[in-house]
Amino acid sequence: MVPFHLEADVPESREVTVTLPPGIPPGRVHMTVEVESVDPDCAAEYEAFKRYLPRLQTAKGKFVAVFRGIVWAVEDRFEDAQKAIENQFGHVPAYIGWAPPSPAVFFSGQLVVSSEQPA
């Protein structure tokens, strides 16, 4: 299996075209689309999480809780990260995200985001 991590802004047409690199053989592939839906109250915390992510070497594969732009908890389970924030601050708009084990991008093809309708 060859892992790829892609990010794209989806236009109104909802069309995203992916061209894979030449080393990928023809055949069946499995694609998963994850849509990030961030509560507006947590938008600043989410942006801080994204900024921290490349530097969170010890947090790989763990849940990271960010509040007031600071990482406050790194836990194995989402519930534990949530509890750590609630124990410290009560019920506040914190962001808890998962730090993937390998943030490396192995994609060398072309990603085209098109807002045009196909002919």
PDB file of N, CA and C in Angstrom:
ATOM      1  N   MET A   1       0.849  -1.184   0.000  1.00  0.00           N
ATOM      2  CA  MET A   1       0.000   0.000   0.000  1.00  0.00           C
ATOM      3  C   MET A   1       0.887   1.236   0.000  1.00  0.00           C
ATOM      4  N   VAL A   2       0.533   2.206  -0.812  1.00  0.00           N
ATOM      5  CA  VAL A   2       1.253   3.475  -0.890  1.00  0.00           C
ATOM      6  C   VAL A   2       0.359   4.544  -0.278  1.00  0.00           C
ATOM      7  N   PRO A   3       0.755   5.124   0.873  1.00  0.00           N
ATOM      8  CA  PRO A   3      -0.104   6.124   1.524  1.00  0.00           C
ATOM      9  C   PRO A   3       0.035   7.507   0.894  1.00  0.00           C
ATOM     10  N   PHE A   4      -1.080   8.217   0.794  1.00  0.00           N
ATOM     11  CA  PHE A   4      -1.094   9.593   0.306  1.00  0.00           C
ATOM     12  C   PHE A   4      -1.922  10.428   1.268  1.00  0.00           C
ATOM     13  N   HIS A   5      -1.493  11.636   1.496  1.00  0.00           N
ATOM     14  CA  HIS A   5      -2.283  12.583   2.283  1.00  0.00           C
ATOM     15  C   HIS A   5      -2.482  13.809   1.411  1.00  0.00           C
ATOM     16  N   LEU A   6      -3.720  14.143   1.123  1.00  0.00           N
ATOM     17  CA  LEU A   6      -4.034  15.294   0.282  1.00  0.00           C
ATOM     18  C   LEU A   6      -4.950  16.228   1.047  1.00  0.00           C
ATOM     19  N   GLU A   7      -4.791  17.517   0.797  1.00  0.00           N
ATOM     20  CA  GLU A   7      -5.722  18.497   1.329  1.00  0.00           C
ATOM     21  C   GLU A   7      -6.170  19.370   0.174  1.00  0.00           C
ATOM     22  N   ALA A   8      -7.431  19.728   0.159  1.00  0.00           N
ATOM     23  CA  ALA A   8      -7.959  20.566  -0.904  1.00  0.00           C
ATOM     24  C   ALA A   8      -9.100  21.412  -0.367  1.00  0.00           C
ATOM     25  N   ASP A   9      -9.277  22.576  -0.959  1.00  0.00           N
ATOM     26  CA  ASP A   9     -10.453  23.394  -0.697  1.00  0.00           C
ATOM     27  C   ASP A   9     -11.487  22.990  -1.734  1.00  0.00           C
ATOM     28  N   VAL A  10     -12.633  22.539  -1.288  1.00  0.00           N
ATOM     29  CA  VAL A  10     -13.666  22.053  -2.196  1.00  0.00           C
ATOM     30  C   VAL A  10     -14.484  23.239  -2.697  1.00  0.00           C
ATOM     31  N   PRO A  11     -14.565  23.413  -4.026  1.00  0.00           N
ATOM     32  CA  PRO A  11     -15.346  24.517  -4.573  1.00  0.00           C
ATOM     33  C   PRO A  11     -16.842  24.211  -4.517  1.00  0.00           C
ATOM     34  N   GLU A  12     -17.655  25.189  -4.887  1.00  0.00           N
ATOM     35  CA  GLU A  12     -19.112  25.016  -4.890  1.00  0.00           C
ATOM     36  C   GLU A  12     -19.550  23.826  -5.732  1.00  0.00           C
ATOM     37  N   SER A  13     -18.816  23.533  -6.808  1.00  0.00           N
ATOM     38  CA  SER A  13     -19.180  22.417  -7.686  1.00  0.00           C
ATOM     39  C   SER A  13     -18.963  21.059  -7.023  1.00  0.00           C
ATOM     40  N   ARG A  14     -18.225  21.047  -5.897  1.00  0.00           N
ATOM     41  CA  ARG A  14     -17.901  19.826  -5.156  1.00  0.00           C
ATOM     42  C   ARG A  14     -16.981  18.892  -5.946  1.00  0.00           C
ATOM     43  N   GLU A  15     -16.298  19.416  -6.978  1.00  0.00           N
ATOM     44  CA  GLU A  15     -15.419  18.588  -7.801  1.00  0.00           C
ATOM     45  C   GLU A  15     -13.964  18.790  -7.415  1.00  0.00           C
ATOM     46  N   VAL A  16     -13.275  17.692  -7.186  1.00  0.00           N
ATOM     47  CA  VAL A  16     -11.838  17.703  -6.939  1.00  0.00           C
ATOM     48  C   VAL A  16     -11.252  16.595  -7.816  1.00  0.00           C
ATOM     49  N   THR A  17     -10.272  16.931  -8.651  1.00  0.00           N
ATOM     50  CA  THR A  17      -9.645  15.962  -9.547  1.00  0.00           C
ATOM     51  C   THR A  17      -8.258  15.630  -9.019  1.00  0.00           C
ATOM     52  N   VAL A  18      -7.946  14.359  -8.936  1.00  0.00           N
ATOM     53  CA  VAL A  18      -6.645  13.906  -8.460  1.00  0.00           C
ATOM     54  C   VAL A  18      -5.947  13.149  -9.586  1.00  0.00           C
ATOM     55  N   THR A  19      -4.728  13.570  -9.955  1.00  0.00           N
ATOM     56  CA  THR A  19      -3.908  12.851 -10.922  1.00  0.00           C
ATOM     57  C   THR A  19      -2.771  12.210 -10.143  1.00  0.00           C
ATOM     58  N   LEU A  20      -2.720  10.896 -10.149  1.00  0.00           N
ATOM     59  CA  LEU A  20      -1.702  10.168  -9.386  1.00  0.00           C
ATOM     60  C   LEU A  20      -0.391  10.113 -10.155  1.00  0.00           C
ATOM     61  N   PRO A  21       0.725   9.952  -9.455  1.00  0.00           N
ATOM     62  CA  PRO A  21       2.030   9.914 -10.121  1.00  0.00           C
ATOM     63  C   PRO A  21       2.174   8.643 -10.967  1.00  0.00           C
ATOM     64  N   PRO A  22       3.107   8.638 -11.931  1.00  0.00           N
ATOM     65  CA  PRO A  22       3.277   7.506 -12.846  1.00  0.00           C
ATOM     66  C   PRO A  22       3.564   6.175 -12.147  1.00  0.00           C
ATOM     67  N   GLY A  23       4.135   6.176 -10.966  1.00  0.00           N
ATOM     68  CA  GLY A  23       4.481   4.939 -10.277  1.00  0.00           C
ATOM     69  C   GLY A  23       3.282   4.164  -9.745  1.00  0.00           C
ATOM     70  N   ILE A  24       2.103   4.737  -9.799  1.00  0.00           N
ATOM     71  CA  ILE A  24       0.903   4.071  -9.294  1.00  0.00           C
ATOM     72  C   ILE A  24       0.291   3.245 -10.424  1.00  0.00           C
ATOM     73  N   PRO A  25       0.185   1.927 -10.237  1.00  0.00           N
ATOM     74  CA  PRO A  25      -0.360   1.089 -11.308  1.00  0.00           C
ATOM     75  C   PRO A  25      -1.873   1.274 -11.433  1.00  0.00           C
ATOM     76  N   PRO A  26      -2.401   1.047 -12.645  1.00  0.00           N
ATOM     77  CA  PRO A  26      -3.854   1.108 -12.822  1.00  0.00           C
ATOM     78  C   PRO A  26      -4.526   0.018 -11.991  1.00  0.00           C
ATOM     79  N   GLY A  27      -5.739   0.248 -11.617  1.00  0.00           N
ATOM     80  CA  GLY A  27      -6.479  -0.734 -10.832  1.00  0.00           C
ATOM     81  C   GLY A  27      -7.312  -0.056  -9.766  1.00  0.00           C
ATOM     82  N   ARG A  28      -7.913  -0.852  -8.933  1.00  0.00           N
ATOM     83  CA  ARG A  28      -8.815  -0.365  -7.889  1.00  0.00           C
ATOM     84  C   ARG A  28      -8.035   0.351  -6.799  1.00  0.00           C
ATOM     85  N   VAL A  29      -8.591   1.488  -6.323  1.00  0.00           N
ATOM     86  CA  VAL A  29      -8.032   2.224  -5.198  1.00  0.00           C
ATOM     87  C   VAL A  29      -9.136   2.456  -4.178  1.00  0.00           C
ATOM     88  N   HIS A  30      -8.748   2.731  -2.983  1.00  0.00           N
ATOM     89  CA  HIS A  30      -9.695   3.048  -1.917  1.00  0.00           C
ATOM     90  C   HIS A  30      -9.419   4.486  -1.498  1.00  0.00           C
ATOM     91  N   MET A  31     -10.428   5.335  -1.549  1.00  0.00           N
ATOM     92  CA  MET A  31     -10.272   6.741  -1.146  1.00  0.00           C
ATOM     93  C   MET A  31     -11.262   7.054  -0.043  1.00  0.00           C
ATOM     94  N   THR A  32     -10.801   7.813   0.925  1.00  0.00           N
ATOM     95  CA  THR A  32     -11.643   8.254   2.023  1.00  0.00           C
ATOM     96  C   THR A  32     -11.609   9.776   2.053  1.00  0.00           C
ATOM     97  N   VAL A  33     -12.751  10.388   2.212  1.00  0.00           N
ATOM     98  CA  VAL A  33     -12.824  11.842   2.311  1.00  0.00           C
ATOM     99  C   VAL A  33     -13.255  12.193   3.728  1.00  0.00           C
ATOM    100  N   GLU A  34     -12.454  13.013   4.395  1.00  0.00           N
ATOM    101  CA  GLU A  34     -12.798  13.496   5.721  1.00  0.00           C
ATOM    102  C   GLU A  34     -13.082  14.986   5.612  1.00  0.00           C
ATOM    103  N   VAL A  35     -14.190  15.411   6.148  1.00  0.00           N
ATOM    104  CA  VAL A  35     -14.563  16.818   6.114  1.00  0.00           C
ATOM    105  C   VAL A  35     -14.405  17.370   7.518  1.00  0.00           C
ATOM    106  N   GLU A  36     -13.556  18.382   7.627  1.00  0.00           N
ATOM    107  CA  GLU A  36     -13.332  18.996   8.928  1.00  0.00           C
ATOM    108  C   GLU A  36     -14.418  20.035   9.171  1.00  0.00           C
ATOM    109  N   SER A  37     -15.146  19.840  10.215  1.00  0.00           N
ATOM    110  CA  SER A  37     -16.181  20.784  10.598  1.00  0.00           C
ATOM    111  C   SER A  37     -15.813  21.323  11.971  1.00  0.00           C
ATOM    112  N   VAL A  38     -15.363  22.548  11.990  1.00  0.00           N
ATOM    113  CA  VAL A  38     -14.883  23.141  13.234  1.00  0.00           C
ATOM    114  C   VAL A  38     -15.905  24.144  13.753  1.00  0.00           C
ATOM    115  N   ASP A  39     -16.277  23.992  15.009  1.00  0.00           N
ATOM    116  CA  ASP A  39     -17.163  24.928  15.683  1.00  0.00           C
ATOM    117  C   ASP A  39     -16.515  26.318  15.609  1.00  0.00           C
ATOM    118  N   PRO A  40     -17.264  27.344  15.201  1.00  0.00           N
ATOM    119  CA  PRO A  40     -16.684  28.693  15.118  1.00  0.00           C
ATOM    120  C   PRO A  40     -16.028  29.148  16.429  1.00  0.00           C
ATOM    121  N   ASP A  41     -16.543  28.685  17.567  1.00  0.00           N
ATOM    122  CA  ASP A  41     -15.942  29.055  18.853  1.00  0.00           C
ATOM    123  C   ASP A  41     -14.547  28.467  19.017  1.00  0.00           C
ATOM    124  N   CYS A  42     -14.251  27.396  18.267  1.00  0.00           N
ATOM    125  CA  CYS A  42     -12.956  26.710  18.385  1.00  0.00           C
ATOM    126  C   CYS A  42     -12.028  26.997  17.201  1.00  0.00           C
ATOM    127  N   ALA A  43     -12.429  27.886  16.306  1.00  0.00           N
ATOM    128  CA  ALA A  43     -11.649  28.120  15.090  1.00  0.00           C
ATOM    129  C   ALA A  43     -10.207  28.548  15.395  1.00  0.00           C
ATOM    130  N   ALA A  44     -10.011  29.433  16.359  1.00  0.00           N
ATOM    131  CA  ALA A  44      -8.652  29.873  16.704  1.00  0.00           C
ATOM    132  C   ALA A  44      -7.837  28.723  17.292  1.00  0.00           C
ATOM    133  N   GLU A  45      -8.500  27.867  18.077  1.00  0.00           N
ATOM    134  CA  GLU A  45      -7.802  26.714  18.666  1.00  0.00           C
ATOM    135  C   GLU A  45      -7.416  25.717  17.573  1.00  0.00           C
ATOM    136  N   TYR A  46      -8.310  25.532  16.601  1.00  0.00           N
ATOM    137  CA  TYR A  46      -8.021  24.631  15.478  1.00  0.00           C
ATOM    138  C   TYR A  46      -6.819  25.137  14.681  1.00  0.00           C
ATOM    139  N   GLU A  47      -6.778  26.440  14.417  1.00  0.00           N
ATOM    140  CA  GLU A  47      -5.639  27.016  13.685  1.00  0.00           C
ATOM    141  C   GLU A  47      -4.343  26.819  14.478  1.00  0.00           C
ATOM    142  N   ALA A  48      -4.404  26.969  15.797  1.00  0.00           N
ATOM    143  CA  ALA A  48      -3.217  26.746  16.638  1.00  0.00           C
ATOM    144  C   ALA A  48      -2.795  25.282  16.555  1.00  0.00           C
ATOM    145  N   PHE A  49      -3.760  24.363  16.586  1.00  0.00           N
ATOM    146  CA  PHE A  49      -3.468  22.933  16.469  1.00  0.00           C
ATOM    147  C   PHE A  49      -2.725  22.655  15.167  1.00  0.00           C
ATOM    148  N   LYS A  50      -3.204  23.218  14.055  1.00  0.00           N
ATOM    149  CA  LYS A  50      -2.545  23.003  12.764  1.00  0.00           C
ATOM    150  C   LYS A  50      -1.119  23.568  12.758  1.00  0.00           C
ATOM    151  N   ARG A  51      -0.917  24.705  13.427  1.00  0.00           N
ATOM    152  CA  ARG A  51       0.429  25.289  13.494  1.00  0.00           C
ATOM    153  C   ARG A  51       1.373  24.409  14.315  1.00  0.00           C
ATOM    154  N   TYR A  52       0.865  23.852  15.418  1.00  0.00           N
ATOM    155  CA  TYR A  52       1.681  23.012  16.293  1.00  0.00           C
ATOM    156  C   TYR A  52       1.996  21.644  15.681  1.00  0.00           C
ATOM    157  N   LEU A  53       1.098  21.133  14.849  1.00  0.00           N
ATOM    158  CA  LEU A  53       1.169  19.752  14.390  1.00  0.00           C
ATOM    159  C   LEU A  53       2.540  19.314  13.878  1.00  0.00           C
ATOM    160  N   PRO A  54       3.212  20.086  13.035  1.00  0.00           N
ATOM    161  CA  PRO A  54       4.532  19.627  12.562  1.00  0.00           C
ATOM    162  C   PRO A  54       5.574  19.477  13.676  1.00  0.00           C
ATOM    163  N   ARG A  55       5.368  20.166  14.803  1.00  0.00           N
ATOM    164  CA  ARG A  55       6.343  20.118  15.898  1.00  0.00           C
ATOM    165  C   ARG A  55       5.961  19.152  17.015  1.00  0.00           C
ATOM    166  N   LEU A  56       4.843  18.478  16.868  1.00  0.00           N
ATOM    167  CA  LEU A  56       4.371  17.591  17.937  1.00  0.00           C
ATOM    168  C   LEU A  56       4.908  16.172  17.766  1.00  0.00           C
ATOM    169  N   GLN A  57       6.217  16.026  17.749  1.00  0.00           N
ATOM    170  CA  GLN A  57       6.845  14.721  17.531  1.00  0.00           C
ATOM    171  C   GLN A  57       6.441  13.677  18.568  1.00  0.00           C
ATOM    172  N   THR A  58       6.337  14.061  19.821  1.00  0.00           N
ATOM    173  CA  THR A  58       5.997  13.102  20.877  1.00  0.00           C
ATOM    174  C   THR A  58       4.503  12.811  20.932  1.00  0.00           C
ATOM    175  N   ALA A  59       3.714  13.560  20.173  1.00  0.00           N
ATOM    176  CA  ALA A  59       2.256  13.381  20.212  1.00  0.00           C
ATOM    177  C   ALA A  59       1.740  12.521  19.067  1.00  0.00           C
ATOM    178  N   LYS A  60       2.616  11.995  18.234  1.00  0.00           N
ATOM    179  CA  LYS A  60       2.163  11.224  17.078  1.00  0.00           C
ATOM    180  C   LYS A  60       1.301  10.051  17.513  1.00  0.00           C
ATOM    181  N   GLY A  61       0.121   9.942  16.887  1.00  0.00           N
ATOM    182  CA  GLY A  61      -0.805   8.874  17.221  1.00  0.00           C
ATOM    183  C   GLY A  61      -1.623   9.146  18.473  1.00  0.00           C
ATOM    184  N   LYS A  62      -1.570  10.374  18.971  1.00  0.00           N
ATOM    185  CA  LYS A  62      -2.286  10.724  20.202  1.00  0.00           C
ATOM    186  C   LYS A  62      -3.248  11.885  19.937  1.00  0.00           C
ATOM    187  N   PHE A  63      -4.118  12.147  20.917  1.00  0.00           N
ATOM    188  CA  PHE A  63      -5.048  13.262  20.841  1.00  0.00           C
ATOM    189  C   PHE A  63      -4.444  14.462  21.560  1.00  0.00           C
ATOM    190  N   VAL A  64      -4.517  15.608  20.909  1.00  0.00           N
ATOM    191  CA  VAL A  64      -3.909  16.836  21.417  1.00  0.00           C
ATOM    192  C   VAL A  64      -5.017  17.851  21.693  1.00  0.00           C
ATOM    193  N   ALA A  65      -5.040  18.375  22.915  1.00  0.00           N
ATOM    194  CA  ALA A  65      -6.040  19.368  23.299  1.00  0.00           C
ATOM    195  C   ALA A  65      -5.390  20.750  23.325  1.00  0.00           C
ATOM    196  N   VAL A  66      -5.993  21.686  22.594  1.00  0.00           N
ATOM    197  CA  VAL A  66      -5.476  23.052  22.507  1.00  0.00           C
ATOM    198  C   VAL A  66      -6.532  24.006  23.051  1.00  0.00           C
ATOM    199  N   PHE A  67      -6.090  24.892  23.938  1.00  0.00           N
ATOM    200  CA  PHE A  67      -6.969  25.921  24.502  1.00  0.00           C
ATOM    201  C   PHE A  67      -6.160  27.198  24.672  1.00  0.00           C
ATOM    202  N   ARG A  68      -6.748  28.307  24.252  1.00  0.00           N
ATOM    203  CA  ARG A  68      -6.066  29.614  24.303  1.00  0.00           C
ATOM    204  C   ARG A  68      -4.744  29.584  23.542  1.00  0.00           C
ATOM    205  N   GLY A  69      -4.712  28.807  22.456  1.00  0.00           N
ATOM    206  CA  GLY A  69      -3.524  28.751  21.607  1.00  0.00           C
ATOM    207  C   GLY A  69      -2.381  27.941  22.173  1.00  0.00           C
ATOM    208  N   ILE A  70      -2.614  27.187  23.250  1.00  0.00           N
ATOM    209  CA  ILE A  70      -1.562  26.414  23.913  1.00  0.00           C
ATOM    210  C   ILE A  70      -1.982  24.958  23.998  1.00  0.00           C
ATOM    211  N   VAL A  71      -1.017  24.051  23.778  1.00  0.00           N
ATOM    212  CA  VAL A  71      -1.284  22.628  23.956  1.00  0.00           C
ATOM    213  C   VAL A  71      -1.325  22.340  25.451  1.00  0.00           C
ATOM    214  N   TRP A  72      -2.470  21.862  25.935  1.00  0.00           N
ATOM    215  CA  TRP A  72      -2.646  21.596  27.365  1.00  0.00           C
ATOM    216  C   TRP A  72      -2.644  20.120  27.700  1.00  0.00           C
ATOM    217  N   ALA A  73      -2.923  19.272  26.718  1.00  0.00           N
ATOM    218  CA  ALA A  73      -2.982  17.837  27.006  1.00  0.00           C
ATOM    219  C   ALA A  73      -2.635  17.035  25.764  1.00  0.00           C
ATOM    220  N   VAL A  74      -1.931  15.929  25.978  1.00  0.00           N
ATOM    221  CA  VAL A  74      -1.630  14.950  24.930  1.00  0.00           C
ATOM    222  C   VAL A  74      -1.973  13.592  25.530  1.00  0.00           C
ATOM    223  N   GLU A  75      -2.985  12.947  24.978  1.00  0.00           N
ATOM    224  CA  GLU A  75      -3.508  11.712  25.564  1.00  0.00           C
ATOM    225  C   GLU A  75      -3.726  10.642  24.501  1.00  0.00           C
ATOM    226  N   ASP A  76      -3.789   9.390  24.937  1.00  0.00           N
ATOM    227  CA  ASP A  76      -4.043   8.280  24.023  1.00  0.00           C
ATOM    228  C   ASP A  76      -5.487   8.259  23.528  1.00  0.00           C
ATOM    229  N   ARG A  77      -6.411   8.745  24.345  1.00  0.00           N
ATOM    230  CA  ARG A  77      -7.827   8.700  24.002  1.00  0.00           C
ATOM    231  C   ARG A  77      -8.426  10.105  23.970  1.00  0.00           C
ATOM    232  N   PHE A  78      -9.367  10.309  23.065  1.00  0.00           N
ATOM    233  CA  PHE A  78     -10.052  11.595  22.953  1.00  0.00           C
ATOM    234  C   PHE A  78     -10.671  11.989  24.291  1.00  0.00           C
ATOM    235  N   GLU A  79     -11.346  11.023  24.913  1.00  0.00           N
ATOM    236  CA  GLU A  79     -12.040  11.295  26.170  1.00  0.00           C
ATOM    237  C   GLU A  79     -11.084  11.774  27.258  1.00  0.00           C
ATOM    238  N   ASP A  80      -9.862  11.226  27.272  1.00  0.00           N
ATOM    239  CA  ASP A  80      -8.880  11.636  28.275  1.00  0.00           C
ATOM    240  C   ASP A  80      -8.391  13.066  28.029  1.00  0.00           C
ATOM    241  N   ALA A  81      -8.218  13.432  26.757  1.00  0.00           N
ATOM    242  CA  ALA A  81      -7.806  14.807  26.437  1.00  0.00           C
ATOM    243  C   ALA A  81      -8.911  15.780  26.809  1.00  0.00           C
ATOM    244  N   GLN A  82     -10.147  15.400  26.531  1.00  0.00           N
ATOM    245  CA  GLN A  82     -11.292  16.245  26.876  1.00  0.00           C
ATOM    246  C   GLN A  82     -11.401  16.414  28.388  1.00  0.00           C
ATOM    247  N   LYS A  83     -11.233  15.317  29.111  1.00  0.00           N
ATOM    248  CA  LYS A  83     -11.315  15.371  30.578  1.00  0.00           C
ATOM    249  C   LYS A  83     -10.196  16.245  31.160  1.00  0.00           C
ATOM    250  N   ALA A  84      -9.000  16.168  30.578  1.00  0.00           N
ATOM    251  CA  ALA A  84      -7.877  16.979  31.068  1.00  0.00           C
ATOM    252  C   ALA A  84      -8.190  18.469  30.944  1.00  0.00           C
ATOM    253  N   ILE A  85      -8.780  18.864  29.817  1.00  0.00           N
ATOM    254  CA  ILE A  85      -9.156  20.271  29.631  1.00  0.00           C
ATOM    255  C   ILE A  85     -10.270  20.663  30.605  1.00  0.00           C
ATOM    256  N   GLU A  86     -11.286  19.810  30.722  1.00  0.00           N
ATOM    257  CA  GLU A  86     -12.408  20.127  31.613  1.00  0.00           C
ATOM    258  C   GLU A  86     -11.975  20.189  33.069  1.00  0.00           C
ATOM    259  N   ASN A  87     -11.057  19.318  33.486  1.00  0.00           N
ATOM    260  CA  ASN A  87     -10.560  19.355  34.864  1.00  0.00           C
ATOM    261  C   ASN A  87      -9.799  20.646  35.147  1.00  0.00           C
ATOM    262  N   GLN A  88      -9.093  21.138  34.152  1.00  0.00           N
ATOM    263  CA  GLN A  88      -8.273  22.344  34.328  1.00  0.00           C
ATOM    264  C   GLN A  88      -9.090  23.633  34.203  1.00  0.00           C
ATOM    265  N   PHE A  89     -10.024  23.671  33.215  1.00  0.00           N
ATOM    266  CA  PHE A  89     -10.701  24.927  32.883  1.00  0.00           C
ATOM    267  C   PHE A  89     -12.230  24.869  32.927  1.00  0.00           C
ATOM    268  N   GLY A  90     -12.806  23.698  33.109  1.00  0.00           N
ATOM    269  CA  GLY A  90     -14.255  23.568  33.005  1.00  0.00           C
ATOM    270  C   GLY A  90     -14.640  23.349  31.549  1.00  0.00           C
ATOM    271  N   HIS A  91     -15.905  23.575  31.235  1.00  0.00           N
ATOM    272  CA  HIS A  91     -16.390  23.382  29.869  1.00  0.00           C
ATOM    273  C   HIS A  91     -16.070  24.639  29.055  1.00  0.00           C
ATOM    274  N   VAL A  92     -15.024  24.562  28.241  1.00  0.00           N
ATOM    275  CA  VAL A  92     -14.571  25.705  27.444  1.00  0.00           C
ATOM    276  C   VAL A  92     -14.448  25.273  25.975  1.00  0.00           C
ATOM    277  N   PRO A  93     -14.413  26.241  25.049  1.00  0.00           N
ATOM    278  CA  PRO A  93     -14.274  25.901  23.631  1.00  0.00           C
ATOM    279  C   PRO A  93     -12.831  25.553  23.272  1.00  0.00           C
ATOM    280  N   ALA A  94     -12.416  24.349  23.594  1.00  0.00           N
ATOM    281  CA  ALA A  94     -11.076  23.871  23.244  1.00  0.00           C
ATOM    282  C   ALA A  94     -11.178  23.002  21.993  1.00  0.00           C
ATOM    283  N   TYR A  95     -10.065  22.818  21.295  1.00  0.00           N
ATOM    284  CA  TYR A  95     -10.045  21.928  20.135  1.00  0.00           C
ATOM    285  C   TYR A  95      -9.206  20.712  20.487  1.00  0.00           C
ATOM    286  N   ILE A  96      -9.745  19.536  20.179  1.00  0.00           N
ATOM    287  CA  ILE A  96      -9.002  18.292  20.395  1.00  0.00           C
ATOM    288  C   ILE A  96      -8.881  17.603  19.048  1.00  0.00           C
ATOM    289  N   GLY A  97      -7.654  17.404  18.627  1.00  0.00           N
ATOM    290  CA  GLY A  97      -7.406  16.769  17.337  1.00  0.00           C
ATOM    291  C   GLY A  97      -6.436  15.622  17.478  1.00  0.00           C
ATOM    292  N   TRP A  98      -6.445  14.748  16.484  1.00  0.00           N
ATOM    293  CA  TRP A  98      -5.562  13.586  16.481  1.00  0.00           C
ATOM    294  C   TRP A  98      -4.315  13.911  15.687  1.00  0.00           C
ATOM    295  N   ALA A  99      -3.149  13.673  16.264  1.00  0.00           N
ATOM    296  CA  ALA A  99      -1.876  13.891  15.578  1.00  0.00           C
ATOM    297  C   ALA A  99      -1.499  12.591  14.874  1.00  0.00           C
ATOM    298  N   PRO A 100      -1.586  12.556  13.549  1.00  0.00           N
ATOM    299  CA  PRO A 100      -1.307  11.306  12.845  1.00  0.00           C
ATOM    300  C   PRO A 100       0.124  10.839  13.061  1.00  0.00           C
ATOM    301  N   PRO A 101       0.347   9.505  13.045  1.00  0.00           N
ATOM    302  CA  PRO A 101       1.688   8.971  13.275  1.00  0.00           C
ATOM    303  C   PRO A 101       2.698   9.427  12.242  1.00  0.00           C
ATOM    304  N   SER A 102       2.255   9.668  11.018  1.00  0.00           N
ATOM    305  CA  SER A 102       3.173  10.060   9.965  1.00  0.00           C
ATOM    306  C   SER A 102       2.581  11.206   9.157  1.00  0.00           C
ATOM    307  N   PRO A 103       2.986  12.437   9.448  1.00  0.00           N
ATOM    308  CA  PRO A 103       2.439  13.557   8.693  1.00  0.00           C
ATOM    309  C   PRO A 103       3.109  13.735   7.337  1.00  0.00           C
ATOM    310  N   ALA A 104       4.027  12.841   6.964  1.00  0.00           N
ATOM    311  CA  ALA A 104       4.741  12.983   5.698  1.00  0.00           C
ATOM    312  C   ALA A 104       3.779  12.845   4.525  1.00  0.00           C
ATOM    313  N   VAL A 105       4.038  13.611   3.482  1.00  0.00           N
ATOM    314  CA  VAL A 105       3.236  13.547   2.266  1.00  0.00           C
ATOM    315  C   VAL A 105       4.037  12.787   1.225  1.00  0.00           C
ATOM    316  N   PHE A 106       3.455  11.716   0.694  1.00  0.00           N
ATOM    317  CA  PHE A 106       4.142  10.886  -0.289  1.00  0.00           C
ATOM    318  C   PHE A 106       3.576  11.089  -1.679  1.00  0.00           C
ATOM    319  N   PHE A 107       2.950  12.209  -1.919  1.00  0.00           N
ATOM    320  CA  PHE A 107       2.286  12.477  -3.185  1.00  0.00           C
ATOM    321  C   PHE A 107       3.193  13.300  -4.072  1.00  0.00           C
ATOM    322  N   SER A 108       3.372  12.861  -5.314  1.00  0.00           N
ATOM    323  CA  SER A 108       4.191  13.653  -6.226  1.00  0.00           C
ATOM    324  C   SER A 108       3.469  13.881  -7.544  1.00  0.00           C
ATOM    325  N   GLY A 109       2.166  13.650  -7.560  1.00  0.00           N
ATOM    326  CA  GLY A 109       1.379  13.863  -8.767  1.00  0.00           C
ATOM    327  C   GLY A 109       0.841  15.275  -8.816  1.00  0.00           C
ATOM    328  N   GLN A 110      -0.337  15.416  -9.362  1.00  0.00           N
ATOM    329  CA  GLN A 110      -0.939  16.732  -9.533  1.00  0.00           C
ATOM    330  C   GLN A 110      -2.340  16.714  -8.951  1.00  0.00           C
ATOM    331  N   LEU A 111      -2.671  17.708  -8.153  1.00  0.00           N
ATOM    332  CA  LEU A 111      -4.006  17.855  -7.601  1.00  0.00           C
ATOM    333  C   LEU A 111      -4.623  19.097  -8.222  1.00  0.00           C
ATOM    334  N   VAL A 112      -5.776  18.922  -8.862  1.00  0.00           N
ATOM    335  CA  VAL A 112      -6.435  20.030  -9.518  1.00  0.00           C
ATOM    336  C   VAL A 112      -7.792  20.240  -8.866  1.00  0.00           C
ATOM    337  N   VAL A 113      -8.039  21.447  -8.391  1.00  0.00           N
ATOM    338  CA  VAL A 113      -9.353  21.780  -7.834  1.00  0.00           C
ATOM    339  C   VAL A 113     -10.033  22.650  -8.875  1.00  0.00           C
ATOM    340  N   SER A 114     -11.148  22.174  -9.390  1.00  0.00           N
ATOM    341  CA  SER A 114     -11.822  22.855 -10.487  1.00  0.00           C
ATOM    342  C   SER A 114     -13.187  23.347 -10.042  1.00  0.00           C
ATOM    343  N   SER A 115     -13.486  24.593 -10.385  1.00  0.00           N
ATOM    344  CA  SER A 115     -14.817  25.115 -10.088  1.00  0.00           C
ATOM    345  C   SER A 115     -15.695  25.080 -11.340  1.00  0.00           C
ATOM    346  N   GLU A 116     -15.158  24.535 -12.439  1.00  0.00           N
ATOM    347  CA  GLU A 116     -15.916  24.450 -13.677  1.00  0.00           C
ATOM    348  C   GLU A 116     -16.678  23.139 -13.748  1.00  0.00           C
ATOM    349  N   GLN A 117     -17.830  23.174 -14.401  1.00  0.00           N
ATOM    350  CA  GLN A 117     -18.620  21.976 -14.620  1.00  0.00           C
ATOM    351  C   GLN A 117     -18.022  21.201 -15.801  1.00  0.00           C
ATOM    352  N   PRO A 118     -18.008  19.862 -15.728  1.00  0.00           N
ATOM    353  CA  PRO A 118     -17.490  19.084 -16.856  1.00  0.00           C
ATOM    354  C   PRO A 118     -18.364  19.264 -18.081  1.00  0.00           C
ATOM    355  N   ALA A 119     -17.748  19.178 -19.235  1.00  0.00           N
ATOM    356  CA  ALA A 119     -18.489  19.363 -20.507  1.00  0.00           C
ATOM    357  C   ALA A 119     -19.327  18.148 -20.833  1.00  0.00           C
TER     358      ALA A 119
END
